[in-house]
Amino acid sequence: MLLSMLKKFYTHWLESYRGIPRVIWYLSIVSLVNRCGAFVISFLAIYMTKKLGFPLEQAGYVMMCFGVGALTGAFVGGKLTDKLGYHPVQFWSLMLNGIVLLLMMLVRDIWIMGLAVFAMSFASEVFRPANSVAIAQHCEPETRTRSISLYRMAVNLGWTLAPALGGMLVVFGWEWLFWIDGLTCIAASLTLLWLLAPKAAAIL
């Protein structure tokens, strides 16, 4: 009974997204890979207070830097997309985000942590406007609604899985959050480069 229901759900889901351009699937896969690795932000406040011993008030200031970086990144991302195009902005956003995350595990100073968190959220949010433009550019009017739906489902699925996967990684050590989060961002950038190979010259 359960198997039959799951098979029916899968068939219905597949039919709902049939006919969507292949590049939309690629962009959605990249977003899924990226968001599945969003461990650090889910556990950042706990990491700072429990592992690094930062006072709760200071941890709050650092989290404020995340919000400021995200807001600024989204604005700058739109400007950069208009100027440079969505492929290079997506690639470098993911790559730089991954590098910053890997370096963050070495930070022990509250001021440097604030700057690192700002840089991390800034680089992460620069990706969003470029990715949205890419989705809009690569889909036909008749598939636009379903294309955006597929993309949003990938993002939401990634955000849903990230805390659960991050919680399991913490058991093995806090540093694993930074390693996996950083490497998944870098993997997402390379996946983008690989799946959209005709655009590689424009990216690099």
N, C-alpha and C. Protein backbone atom coordinates (compact mmCIF):
# COMPACT_ATOMS: atom_id res chain seq x y z
N MET A 1 0.83 -1.21 0.00
CA MET A 1 0.00 0.00 0.00
C MET A 1 0.87 1.27 0.00
N LEU A 2 1.84 1.32 0.92
CA LEU A 2 2.72 2.47 1.00
C LEU A 2 3.55 2.61 -0.26
N LEU A 3 4.06 1.46 -0.76
CA LEU A 3 4.87 1.47 -1.97
C LEU A 3 4.07 1.99 -3.16
N SER A 4 2.82 1.58 -3.23
CA SER A 4 1.94 2.02 -4.32
C SER A 4 1.69 3.53 -4.26
N MET A 5 1.49 4.04 -3.04
CA MET A 5 1.27 5.47 -2.86
C MET A 5 2.51 6.27 -3.26
N LEU A 6 3.69 5.77 -2.85
CA LEU A 6 4.93 6.46 -3.20
C LEU A 6 5.17 6.45 -4.70
N LYS A 7 4.85 5.34 -5.34
CA LYS A 7 5.02 5.24 -6.78
C LYS A 7 4.07 6.20 -7.51
N LYS A 8 2.84 6.30 -7.01
CA LYS A 8 1.86 7.21 -7.59
C LYS A 8 2.29 8.66 -7.41
N PHE A 9 2.82 8.97 -6.22
CA PHE A 9 3.30 10.33 -5.96
C PHE A 9 4.46 10.68 -6.87
N TYR A 10 5.40 9.74 -7.04
CA TYR A 10 6.56 9.98 -7.89
C TYR A 10 6.13 10.19 -9.33
N THR A 11 5.21 9.39 -9.81
CA THR A 11 4.72 9.53 -11.19
C THR A 11 4.05 10.88 -11.40
N HIS A 12 3.25 11.29 -10.43
CA HIS A 12 2.57 12.59 -10.51
C HIS A 12 3.60 13.73 -10.48
N TRP A 13 4.60 13.60 -9.61
CA TRP A 13 5.64 14.62 -9.51
C TRP A 13 6.42 14.73 -10.80
N LEU A 14 6.76 13.58 -11.40
CA LEU A 14 7.53 13.56 -12.64
C LEU A 14 6.75 14.19 -13.78
N GLU A 15 5.46 13.89 -13.84
CA GLU A 15 4.62 14.45 -14.90
C GLU A 15 4.48 15.96 -14.75
N SER A 16 4.48 16.43 -13.51
CA SER A 16 4.31 17.86 -13.25
C SER A 16 5.47 18.67 -13.81
N TYR A 17 6.66 18.08 -13.83
CA TYR A 17 7.85 18.81 -14.26
C TYR A 17 8.38 18.35 -15.62
N ARG A 18 7.60 17.54 -16.31
CA ARG A 18 8.02 17.08 -17.63
C ARG A 18 8.00 18.26 -18.62
N GLY A 19 9.02 18.33 -19.47
CA GLY A 19 9.07 19.39 -20.47
C GLY A 19 9.83 20.62 -20.04
N ILE A 20 10.29 20.65 -18.78
CA ILE A 20 11.09 21.78 -18.31
C ILE A 20 12.48 21.68 -18.94
N PRO A 21 13.03 22.77 -19.45
CA PRO A 21 14.36 22.73 -20.08
C PRO A 21 15.42 22.11 -19.18
N ARG A 22 16.36 21.41 -19.80
CA ARG A 22 17.39 20.71 -19.05
C ARG A 22 18.23 21.66 -18.18
N VAL A 23 18.48 22.86 -18.70
CA VAL A 23 19.31 23.80 -17.95
C VAL A 23 18.65 24.21 -16.64
N ILE A 24 17.32 24.22 -16.60
CA ILE A 24 16.60 24.54 -15.35
C ILE A 24 16.85 23.45 -14.32
N TRP A 25 16.88 22.20 -14.77
CA TRP A 25 17.20 21.10 -13.86
C TRP A 25 18.64 21.25 -13.34
N TYR A 26 19.56 21.64 -14.22
CA TYR A 26 20.93 21.83 -13.81
C TYR A 26 21.04 22.92 -12.73
N LEU A 27 20.38 24.05 -12.98
CA LEU A 27 20.43 25.15 -12.02
C LEU A 27 19.79 24.76 -10.69
N SER A 28 18.74 23.97 -10.75
CA SER A 28 18.07 23.50 -9.54
C SER A 28 18.96 22.52 -8.77
N ILE A 29 19.67 21.67 -9.50
CA ILE A 29 20.59 20.73 -8.85
C ILE A 29 21.71 21.48 -8.13
N VAL A 30 22.24 22.52 -8.79
CA VAL A 30 23.28 23.34 -8.17
C VAL A 30 22.77 23.97 -6.88
N SER A 31 21.56 24.51 -6.92
CA SER A 31 20.97 25.13 -5.73
C SER A 31 20.73 24.10 -4.63
N LEU A 32 20.31 22.90 -5.01
CA LEU A 32 20.10 21.84 -4.02
C LEU A 32 21.40 21.45 -3.35
N VAL A 33 22.45 21.27 -4.15
CA VAL A 33 23.77 20.92 -3.59
C VAL A 33 24.25 22.01 -2.64
N ASN A 34 24.07 23.26 -3.05
CA ASN A 34 24.52 24.38 -2.24
C ASN A 34 23.76 24.47 -0.92
N ARG A 35 22.44 24.40 -0.98
CA ARG A 35 21.63 24.57 0.23
C ARG A 35 21.69 23.37 1.15
N CYS A 36 21.95 22.19 0.61
CA CYS A 36 22.12 21.01 1.48
C CYS A 36 23.33 21.18 2.38
N GLY A 37 24.27 22.00 1.94
CA GLY A 37 25.47 22.21 2.74
C GLY A 37 25.40 23.41 3.65
N ALA A 38 24.22 23.98 3.84
CA ALA A 38 24.09 25.19 4.67
C ALA A 38 24.06 24.83 6.15
N PHE A 39 25.12 24.17 6.61
CA PHE A 39 25.18 23.73 8.00
C PHE A 39 25.56 24.85 8.95
N VAL A 40 26.53 25.63 8.55
CA VAL A 40 27.17 26.57 9.47
C VAL A 40 26.17 27.58 10.02
N ILE A 41 25.35 28.17 9.18
CA ILE A 41 24.43 29.19 9.66
C ILE A 41 23.42 28.60 10.64
N SER A 42 23.06 27.32 10.46
CA SER A 42 22.09 26.68 11.35
C SER A 42 22.63 26.52 12.77
N PHE A 43 23.95 26.36 12.89
CA PHE A 43 24.56 26.07 14.19
C PHE A 43 25.56 27.14 14.63
N LEU A 44 25.60 28.26 13.90
CA LEU A 44 26.64 29.25 14.15
C LEU A 44 26.57 29.84 15.55
N ALA A 45 25.38 30.22 16.02
CA ALA A 45 25.25 30.82 17.35
C ALA A 45 25.67 29.83 18.44
N ILE A 46 25.29 28.57 18.28
CA ILE A 46 25.67 27.54 19.26
C ILE A 46 27.18 27.32 19.23
N TYR A 47 27.74 27.29 18.03
CA TYR A 47 29.19 27.11 17.87
C TYR A 47 29.96 28.22 18.58
N MET A 48 29.51 29.47 18.39
CA MET A 48 30.23 30.60 18.99
C MET A 48 30.14 30.60 20.51
N THR A 49 28.98 30.25 21.06
CA THR A 49 28.82 30.30 22.52
C THR A 49 29.36 29.05 23.21
N LYS A 50 29.15 27.90 22.62
CA LYS A 50 29.56 26.64 23.26
C LYS A 50 31.00 26.25 22.97
N LYS A 51 31.40 26.40 21.72
CA LYS A 51 32.74 25.97 21.32
C LYS A 51 33.78 27.06 21.55
N LEU A 52 33.48 28.30 21.10
CA LEU A 52 34.45 29.38 21.20
C LEU A 52 34.35 30.17 22.49
N GLY A 53 33.23 30.01 23.20
CA GLY A 53 33.08 30.70 24.48
C GLY A 53 32.74 32.17 24.37
N PHE A 54 32.20 32.61 23.23
CA PHE A 54 31.80 34.00 23.09
C PHE A 54 30.57 34.27 23.95
N PRO A 55 30.50 35.42 24.60
CA PRO A 55 29.27 35.78 25.32
C PRO A 55 28.08 35.83 24.35
N LEU A 56 26.90 35.57 24.89
CA LEU A 56 25.70 35.54 24.06
C LEU A 56 25.49 36.86 23.33
N GLU A 57 25.79 37.96 24.01
CA GLU A 57 25.60 39.28 23.40
C GLU A 57 26.51 39.44 22.18
N GLN A 58 27.76 39.01 22.29
CA GLN A 58 28.68 39.11 21.16
C GLN A 58 28.24 38.21 20.00
N ALA A 59 27.76 37.03 20.35
CA ALA A 59 27.25 36.13 19.31
C ALA A 59 26.08 36.77 18.57
N GLY A 60 25.27 37.52 19.30
CA GLY A 60 24.15 38.22 18.67
C GLY A 60 24.63 39.28 17.68
N TYR A 61 25.70 39.98 18.04
CA TYR A 61 26.26 40.98 17.12
C TYR A 61 26.79 40.32 15.84
N VAL A 62 27.41 39.16 16.01
CA VAL A 62 27.93 38.44 14.84
C VAL A 62 26.78 38.00 13.94
N MET A 63 25.69 37.53 14.53
CA MET A 63 24.54 37.13 13.72
C MET A 63 23.91 38.34 13.02
N MET A 64 24.03 39.51 13.64
CA MET A 64 23.57 40.73 12.97
C MET A 64 24.39 40.98 11.71
N CYS A 65 25.69 40.67 11.77
CA CYS A 65 26.56 40.81 10.60
C CYS A 65 26.08 39.90 9.47
N PHE A 66 25.55 38.75 9.83
CA PHE A 66 25.01 37.85 8.81
C PHE A 66 23.84 38.52 8.08
N GLY A 67 22.94 39.13 8.84
CA GLY A 67 21.79 39.78 8.21
C GLY A 67 22.20 40.95 7.33
N VAL A 68 23.15 41.75 7.81
CA VAL A 68 23.62 42.90 7.02
C VAL A 68 24.31 42.42 5.75
N GLY A 69 25.11 41.38 5.86
CA GLY A 69 25.80 40.83 4.69
C GLY A 69 24.82 40.27 3.67
N ALA A 70 23.78 39.59 4.16
CA ALA A 70 22.78 39.02 3.25
C ALA A 70 22.03 40.11 2.50
N LEU A 71 21.63 41.16 3.23
CA LEU A 71 20.90 42.26 2.61
C LEU A 71 21.77 42.97 1.57
N THR A 72 23.02 43.24 1.93
CA THR A 72 23.94 43.91 1.01
C THR A 72 24.26 43.03 -0.19
N GLY A 73 24.47 41.74 0.06
CA GLY A 73 24.81 40.81 -1.02
C GLY A 73 23.73 40.70 -2.06
N ALA A 74 22.47 40.67 -1.62
CA ALA A 74 21.35 40.57 -2.57
C ALA A 74 21.31 41.80 -3.48
N PHE A 75 21.55 42.98 -2.90
CA PHE A 75 21.54 44.22 -3.69
C PHE A 75 22.70 44.24 -4.68
N VAL A 76 23.91 43.95 -4.18
CA VAL A 76 25.09 43.97 -5.04
C VAL A 76 25.00 42.86 -6.10
N GLY A 77 24.43 41.72 -5.72
CA GLY A 77 24.28 40.63 -6.67
C GLY A 77 23.46 41.02 -7.88
N GLY A 78 22.40 41.80 -7.65
CA GLY A 78 21.59 42.27 -8.77
C GLY A 78 22.37 43.19 -9.69
N LYS A 79 23.15 44.09 -9.08
CA LYS A 79 23.97 45.02 -9.86
C LYS A 79 25.03 44.27 -10.67
N LEU A 80 25.70 43.32 -10.03
CA LEU A 80 26.75 42.56 -10.71
C LEU A 80 26.18 41.70 -11.83
N THR A 81 24.98 41.16 -11.62
CA THR A 81 24.35 40.35 -12.65
C THR A 81 24.05 41.19 -13.88
N ASP A 82 23.58 42.42 -13.68
CA ASP A 82 23.32 43.32 -14.80
C ASP A 82 24.60 43.64 -15.56
N LYS A 83 25.70 43.76 -14.83
CA LYS A 83 26.95 44.20 -15.43
C LYS A 83 27.76 43.05 -16.02
N LEU A 84 27.84 41.93 -15.30
CA LEU A 84 28.73 40.83 -15.69
C LEU A 84 28.02 39.64 -16.29
N GLY A 85 26.73 39.50 -16.01
CA GLY A 85 26.00 38.33 -16.45
C GLY A 85 25.83 37.32 -15.33
N TYR A 86 24.83 36.47 -15.44
CA TYR A 86 24.50 35.58 -14.33
C TYR A 86 25.43 34.39 -14.17
N HIS A 87 26.09 33.92 -15.23
CA HIS A 87 26.97 32.76 -15.09
C HIS A 87 28.21 33.06 -14.25
N PRO A 88 28.98 34.10 -14.55
CA PRO A 88 30.15 34.36 -13.71
C PRO A 88 29.80 34.74 -12.28
N VAL A 89 28.68 35.45 -12.08
CA VAL A 89 28.28 35.84 -10.72
C VAL A 89 27.94 34.61 -9.90
N GLN A 90 27.22 33.67 -10.48
CA GLN A 90 26.87 32.44 -9.76
C GLN A 90 28.13 31.64 -9.40
N PHE A 91 29.01 31.49 -10.38
CA PHE A 91 30.21 30.68 -10.16
C PHE A 91 31.08 31.27 -9.05
N TRP A 92 31.40 32.55 -9.14
CA TRP A 92 32.31 33.15 -8.17
C TRP A 92 31.65 33.34 -6.81
N SER A 93 30.35 33.53 -6.79
CA SER A 93 29.63 33.61 -5.52
C SER A 93 29.78 32.30 -4.74
N LEU A 94 29.54 31.19 -5.42
CA LEU A 94 29.64 29.89 -4.77
C LEU A 94 31.08 29.57 -4.37
N MET A 95 32.01 29.86 -5.25
CA MET A 95 33.42 29.56 -4.98
C MET A 95 33.94 30.36 -3.79
N LEU A 96 33.69 31.67 -3.78
CA LEU A 96 34.17 32.52 -2.68
C LEU A 96 33.47 32.18 -1.37
N ASN A 97 32.19 31.85 -1.44
CA ASN A 97 31.47 31.44 -0.23
C ASN A 97 32.11 30.20 0.38
N GLY A 98 32.48 29.25 -0.47
CA GLY A 98 33.12 28.03 0.02
C GLY A 98 34.47 28.30 0.66
N ILE A 99 35.25 29.17 0.05
CA ILE A 99 36.58 29.50 0.58
C ILE A 99 36.46 30.19 1.95
N VAL A 100 35.53 31.14 2.05
CA VAL A 100 35.33 31.85 3.33
C VAL A 100 34.91 30.87 4.42
N LEU A 101 34.03 29.95 4.10
CA LEU A 101 33.58 28.97 5.09
C LEU A 101 34.73 28.10 5.58
N LEU A 102 35.61 27.70 4.70
CA LEU A 102 36.75 26.88 5.11
C LEU A 102 37.70 27.66 6.01
N LEU A 103 37.85 28.95 5.74
CA LEU A 103 38.72 29.78 6.57
C LEU A 103 38.10 30.10 7.92
N MET A 104 36.77 30.11 7.99
CA MET A 104 36.08 30.48 9.23
C MET A 104 36.40 29.54 10.38
N MET A 105 36.71 28.29 10.08
CA MET A 105 36.98 27.34 11.17
C MET A 105 38.26 27.68 11.92
N LEU A 106 39.08 28.56 11.32
CA LEU A 106 40.33 28.97 11.97
C LEU A 106 40.16 30.22 12.82
N VAL A 107 39.03 30.89 12.72
CA VAL A 107 38.81 32.17 13.40
C VAL A 107 38.52 31.96 14.87
N ARG A 108 39.19 32.76 15.72
CA ARG A 108 38.96 32.71 17.16
C ARG A 108 38.70 34.10 17.75
N ASP A 109 38.81 35.13 16.96
CA ASP A 109 38.59 36.50 17.41
C ASP A 109 37.19 36.96 17.03
N ILE A 110 36.50 37.63 17.95
CA ILE A 110 35.11 38.01 17.72
C ILE A 110 34.97 38.99 16.56
N TRP A 111 35.92 39.94 16.43
CA TRP A 111 35.84 40.94 15.36
C TRP A 111 36.08 40.30 13.99
N ILE A 112 37.05 39.41 13.93
CA ILE A 112 37.31 38.73 12.67
C ILE A 112 36.15 37.80 12.31
N MET A 113 35.54 37.20 13.34
CA MET A 113 34.38 36.35 13.09
C MET A 113 33.24 37.16 12.49
N GLY A 114 33.02 38.36 13.01
CA GLY A 114 31.98 39.22 12.46
C GLY A 114 32.23 39.53 10.99
N LEU A 115 33.48 39.86 10.67
CA LEU A 115 33.84 40.15 9.27
C LEU A 115 33.68 38.90 8.39
N ALA A 116 34.08 37.75 8.93
CA ALA A 116 33.97 36.51 8.17
C ALA A 116 32.52 36.14 7.90
N VAL A 117 31.67 36.33 8.90
CA VAL A 117 30.25 36.01 8.73
C VAL A 117 29.61 36.97 7.73
N PHE A 118 30.00 38.24 7.80
CA PHE A 118 29.51 39.21 6.82
C PHE A 118 29.92 38.78 5.41
N ALA A 119 31.21 38.42 5.24
CA ALA A 119 31.70 38.00 3.92
C ALA A 119 30.99 36.74 3.44
N MET A 120 30.75 35.81 4.36
CA MET A 120 30.09 34.56 4.00
C MET A 120 28.66 34.80 3.53
N SER A 121 27.89 35.58 4.28
CA SER A 121 26.50 35.83 3.90
C SER A 121 26.42 36.72 2.66
N PHE A 122 27.36 37.66 2.54
CA PHE A 122 27.41 38.51 1.35
C PHE A 122 27.62 37.66 0.09
N ALA A 123 28.64 36.80 0.13
CA ALA A 123 28.93 35.95 -1.03
C ALA A 123 27.77 35.01 -1.33
N SER A 124 27.14 34.50 -0.29
CA SER A 124 26.03 33.58 -0.47
C SER A 124 24.84 34.24 -1.15
N GLU A 125 24.52 35.45 -0.71
CA GLU A 125 23.32 36.12 -1.23
C GLU A 125 23.55 36.77 -2.59
N VAL A 126 24.79 37.03 -2.98
CA VAL A 126 25.07 37.51 -4.33
C VAL A 126 24.57 36.49 -5.35
N PHE A 127 24.55 35.23 -4.96
CA PHE A 127 24.13 34.14 -5.85
C PHE A 127 22.66 34.23 -6.25
N ARG A 128 21.81 34.67 -5.34
CA ARG A 128 20.37 34.57 -5.55
C ARG A 128 19.85 35.36 -6.75
N PRO A 129 20.16 36.66 -6.88
CA PRO A 129 19.65 37.39 -8.04
C PRO A 129 20.13 36.79 -9.37
N ALA A 130 21.40 36.39 -9.40
CA ALA A 130 21.95 35.81 -10.62
C ALA A 130 21.25 34.51 -10.97
N ASN A 131 20.99 33.70 -9.97
CA ASN A 131 20.32 32.42 -10.20
C ASN A 131 18.88 32.62 -10.66
N SER A 132 18.20 33.60 -10.09
CA SER A 132 16.82 33.88 -10.49
C SER A 132 16.76 34.36 -11.94
N VAL A 133 17.72 35.21 -12.32
CA VAL A 133 17.78 35.69 -13.71
C VAL A 133 18.06 34.53 -14.65
N ALA A 134 18.97 33.63 -14.25
CA ALA A 134 19.29 32.47 -15.09
C ALA A 134 18.05 31.61 -15.31
N ILE A 135 17.28 31.40 -14.26
CA ILE A 135 16.05 30.61 -14.39
C ILE A 135 15.10 31.28 -15.38
N ALA A 136 14.92 32.58 -15.23
CA ALA A 136 13.99 33.31 -16.10
C ALA A 136 14.47 33.31 -17.56
N GLN A 137 15.78 33.38 -17.77
CA GLN A 137 16.32 33.45 -19.12
C GLN A 137 16.23 32.12 -19.86
N HIS A 138 16.30 31.02 -19.13
CA HIS A 138 16.40 29.71 -19.76
C HIS A 138 15.07 28.96 -19.85
N CYS A 139 13.98 29.56 -19.45
CA CYS A 139 12.70 28.87 -19.55
C CYS A 139 11.76 29.62 -20.48
N GLU A 140 10.89 28.87 -21.12
CA GLU A 140 9.88 29.45 -22.01
C GLU A 140 8.70 29.95 -21.18
N PRO A 141 7.91 30.89 -21.73
CA PRO A 141 6.75 31.41 -20.98
C PRO A 141 5.81 30.31 -20.48
N GLU A 142 5.64 29.27 -21.29
CA GLU A 142 4.70 28.21 -20.90
C GLU A 142 5.24 27.29 -19.81
N THR A 143 6.54 27.32 -19.58
CA THR A 143 7.12 26.47 -18.52
C THR A 143 7.66 27.29 -17.35
N ARG A 144 7.47 28.61 -17.38
CA ARG A 144 8.10 29.48 -16.38
C ARG A 144 7.61 29.17 -14.97
N THR A 145 6.31 29.01 -14.80
CA THR A 145 5.77 28.76 -13.46
C THR A 145 6.30 27.45 -12.90
N ARG A 146 6.30 26.40 -13.72
CA ARG A 146 6.80 25.10 -13.25
C ARG A 146 8.31 25.13 -13.04
N SER A 147 9.03 25.89 -13.85
CA SER A 147 10.48 26.01 -13.67
C SER A 147 10.83 26.67 -12.34
N ILE A 148 10.14 27.75 -12.04
CA ILE A 148 10.37 28.44 -10.77
C ILE A 148 9.97 27.54 -9.60
N SER A 149 8.89 26.78 -9.79
CA SER A 149 8.44 25.85 -8.75
C SER A 149 9.49 24.78 -8.49
N LEU A 150 10.09 24.25 -9.54
CA LEU A 150 11.14 23.24 -9.38
C LEU A 150 12.34 23.82 -8.65
N TYR A 151 12.73 25.02 -9.03
CA TYR A 151 13.87 25.68 -8.38
C TYR A 151 13.60 25.91 -6.90
N ARG A 152 12.42 26.45 -6.58
CA ARG A 152 12.09 26.72 -5.18
C ARG A 152 12.01 25.43 -4.37
N MET A 153 11.52 24.35 -4.98
CA MET A 153 11.46 23.07 -4.29
C MET A 153 12.87 22.58 -3.95
N ALA A 154 13.81 22.76 -4.89
CA ALA A 154 15.19 22.36 -4.65
C ALA A 154 15.80 23.15 -3.51
N VAL A 155 15.56 24.46 -3.50
CA VAL A 155 16.10 25.32 -2.43
C VAL A 155 15.50 24.93 -1.08
N ASN A 156 14.19 24.77 -1.02
CA ASN A 156 13.52 24.43 0.24
C ASN A 156 13.93 23.05 0.75
N LEU A 157 14.10 22.11 -0.18
CA LEU A 157 14.54 20.77 0.21
C LEU A 157 15.94 20.82 0.80
N GLY A 158 16.80 21.63 0.17
CA GLY A 158 18.15 21.78 0.70
C GLY A 158 18.17 22.38 2.09
N TRP A 159 17.38 23.45 2.31
CA TRP A 159 17.31 24.09 3.62
C TRP A 159 16.73 23.13 4.67
N THR A 160 15.81 22.25 4.24
CA THR A 160 15.20 21.30 5.16
C THR A 160 16.20 20.23 5.60
N LEU A 161 16.99 19.76 4.65
CA LEU A 161 17.95 18.69 4.95
C LEU A 161 19.17 19.19 5.72
N ALA A 162 19.56 20.46 5.49
CA ALA A 162 20.80 20.99 6.06
C ALA A 162 20.89 20.86 7.58
N PRO A 163 19.88 21.32 8.35
CA PRO A 163 20.01 21.20 9.82
C PRO A 163 20.11 19.76 10.30
N ALA A 164 19.35 18.87 9.66
CA ALA A 164 19.40 17.46 10.06
C ALA A 164 20.77 16.86 9.79
N LEU A 165 21.30 17.13 8.60
CA LEU A 165 22.63 16.62 8.26
C LEU A 165 23.70 17.27 9.14
N GLY A 166 23.53 18.57 9.40
CA GLY A 166 24.49 19.27 10.26
C GLY A 166 24.49 18.72 11.67
N GLY A 167 23.33 18.39 12.19
CA GLY A 167 23.24 17.83 13.53
C GLY A 167 23.98 16.51 13.65
N MET A 168 23.95 15.73 12.58
CA MET A 168 24.68 14.46 12.60
C MET A 168 26.19 14.69 12.52
N LEU A 169 26.59 15.73 11.77
CA LEU A 169 28.02 16.01 11.63
C LEU A 169 28.65 16.53 12.91
N VAL A 170 27.87 17.29 13.70
CA VAL A 170 28.38 17.85 14.95
C VAL A 170 28.89 16.75 15.87
N VAL A 171 28.29 15.58 15.79
CA VAL A 171 28.71 14.45 16.63
C VAL A 171 30.18 14.13 16.40
N PHE A 172 30.66 14.32 15.18
CA PHE A 172 32.04 13.98 14.83
C PHE A 172 33.00 15.15 15.05
N GLY A 173 32.44 16.35 15.33
CA GLY A 173 33.29 17.51 15.56
C GLY A 173 32.78 18.73 14.82
N TRP A 174 32.93 19.91 15.46
CA TRP A 174 32.43 21.15 14.86
C TRP A 174 33.09 21.46 13.54
N GLU A 175 34.35 21.10 13.40
CA GLU A 175 35.07 21.45 12.17
C GLU A 175 34.45 20.82 10.94
N TRP A 176 33.73 19.71 11.13
CA TRP A 176 33.10 19.05 9.99
C TRP A 176 32.02 19.92 9.35
N LEU A 177 31.38 20.76 10.16
CA LEU A 177 30.38 21.67 9.59
C LEU A 177 31.01 22.60 8.55
N PHE A 178 32.18 23.15 8.89
CA PHE A 178 32.85 24.07 7.98
C PHE A 178 33.42 23.35 6.77
N TRP A 179 33.99 22.18 7.01
CA TRP A 179 34.55 21.43 5.89
C TRP A 179 33.46 21.08 4.87
N ILE A 180 32.38 20.50 5.34
CA ILE A 180 31.34 20.03 4.42
C ILE A 180 30.60 21.20 3.78
N ASP A 181 30.29 22.24 4.58
CA ASP A 181 29.60 23.40 4.03
C ASP A 181 30.45 24.08 2.97
N GLY A 182 31.74 24.31 3.29
CA GLY A 182 32.63 24.95 2.33
C GLY A 182 32.82 24.13 1.08
N LEU A 183 33.04 22.83 1.25
CA LEU A 183 33.28 21.97 0.10
C LEU A 183 32.04 21.80 -0.77
N THR A 184 30.84 21.81 -0.16
CA THR A 184 29.64 21.71 -0.99
C THR A 184 29.42 22.97 -1.81
N CYS A 185 29.80 24.12 -1.26
CA CYS A 185 29.71 25.36 -2.05
C CYS A 185 30.67 25.31 -3.24
N ILE A 186 31.90 24.86 -2.98
CA ILE A 186 32.87 24.74 -4.06
C ILE A 186 32.41 23.69 -5.07
N ALA A 187 31.84 22.58 -4.56
CA ALA A 187 31.33 21.54 -5.45
C ALA A 187 30.18 22.08 -6.30
N ALA A 188 29.34 22.93 -5.71
CA ALA A 188 28.23 23.52 -6.46
C ALA A 188 28.75 24.42 -7.58
N SER A 189 29.81 25.19 -7.29
CA SER A 189 30.38 26.07 -8.32
C SER A 189 30.97 25.25 -9.46
N LEU A 190 31.66 24.16 -9.13
CA LEU A 190 32.25 23.31 -10.16
C LEU A 190 31.17 22.54 -10.92
N THR A 191 30.09 22.18 -10.21
CA THR A 191 28.96 21.52 -10.87
C THR A 191 28.34 22.46 -11.89
N LEU A 192 28.21 23.72 -11.52
CA LEU A 192 27.68 24.72 -12.44
C LEU A 192 28.57 24.84 -13.67
N LEU A 193 29.87 24.87 -13.45
CA LEU A 193 30.82 24.98 -14.55
C LEU A 193 30.76 23.76 -15.46
N TRP A 194 30.58 22.60 -14.86
CA TRP A 194 30.55 21.35 -15.61
C TRP A 194 29.24 21.18 -16.39
N LEU A 195 28.12 21.44 -15.73
CA LEU A 195 26.83 21.22 -16.36
C LEU A 195 26.52 22.25 -17.44
N LEU A 196 27.05 23.44 -17.26
CA LEU A 196 26.82 24.50 -18.25
C LEU A 196 28.12 24.77 -18.99
N ALA A 197 28.74 23.70 -19.47
CA ALA A 197 30.05 23.80 -20.11
C ALA A 197 30.16 24.81 -21.24
N PRO A 198 29.14 25.00 -22.09
CA PRO A 198 29.26 26.00 -23.15
C PRO A 198 29.47 27.41 -22.64
N LYS A 199 29.11 27.67 -21.39
CA LYS A 199 29.26 28.99 -20.81
C LYS A 199 30.55 29.13 -20.02
N ALA A 200 31.41 28.10 -20.04
CA ALA A 200 32.60 28.12 -19.20
C ALA A 200 33.51 29.29 -19.51
N ALA A 201 33.62 29.61 -20.78
CA ALA A 201 34.51 30.73 -21.15
C ALA A 201 34.04 32.04 -20.55
N ALA A 202 32.72 32.20 -20.48
CA ALA A 202 32.18 33.44 -19.91
C ALA A 202 32.41 33.50 -18.40
N ILE A 203 32.44 32.33 -17.75
CA ILE A 203 32.64 32.29 -16.30
C ILE A 203 34.08 32.62 -15.94
N LEU A 204 35.01 32.04 -16.66
CA LEU A 204 36.41 32.20 -16.33
C LEU A 204 37.11 33.22 -17.23
